[in-house]
Amino acid sequence: MRESDEPLCVLVWGSITELAQALHDEPAIASRIRVNYIGSSNTTNDPEACGWVYKFMSSQFPELWWIEDGLMPRLTHDTFRGMYEGGDQSGEWNARDFVIENIYGRGSTHSGLFEEKCGDPFPWAARFGGGNEVLKEGDSPTMMHLLGPVFGGVGDIDDPSVPVWGGEFRRPQPERFPNYWIDLDEDAETCQATINRWRIPILKHWKERWA
């Protein structure tokens, strides 16, 4: 296996249980990883695991690099929901029309390996709070901190406080936890606007790559 000095980005799209177990079994990995975690409902599903990671950071490795997107109480911040809530929803950028106009019937068949194009079975998701099925992609902000600087020309992968496609965050205790980042100290709409302000650039990039 090739050794690298680059950190491993760990994108947690669900309960943080397995990461907690990994840190428990091999604490030394803490200095080699960067965690981007979608909390909110995932934290309510396993609050003990999230609490254990925080205790690990507090007692063993305060330098742990960790974005916790979606602090408790649930729905009070939830920056990640800016991927599908708010922003410019006009025309083809609408959460339903984008899939119909730009995803279905497009994409590769992988040189005929599949009868359908990749876009044909694209799944719908129910809009938060009910209603018509729409494009959601609620876990994507974990990747957008990496994609924004490369494809959007915005952001800094080393500084989650800088505006970027994946949202903006703050350090609640920088002296104690220099690499621990959480939602802004604002209401949910303001937190989510740090993502949905980039809605059209994000979707344009997706459209171009999917064509």
Foldseek 3Di string as FASTA:
>chain_A
DDDDQAAAEDQADAACQVVLVVCVVPVVSQVRYAYEYEDAVRCVVPVPSVVSVVVCCQPPNLQRAYEYAADPPGQFARQLQLLQPDADCPDCLNQANVLVPQQAPWADCPVVPHPGHPRNPDDWDADVVGDDTGHGPSSCLSCFQVVFCVQVVFHDVQAQQGQTQSFHWDDPCCVRRVNYTYFDPDGHVVRNCSNSNCSVVVSVVVRVVGD
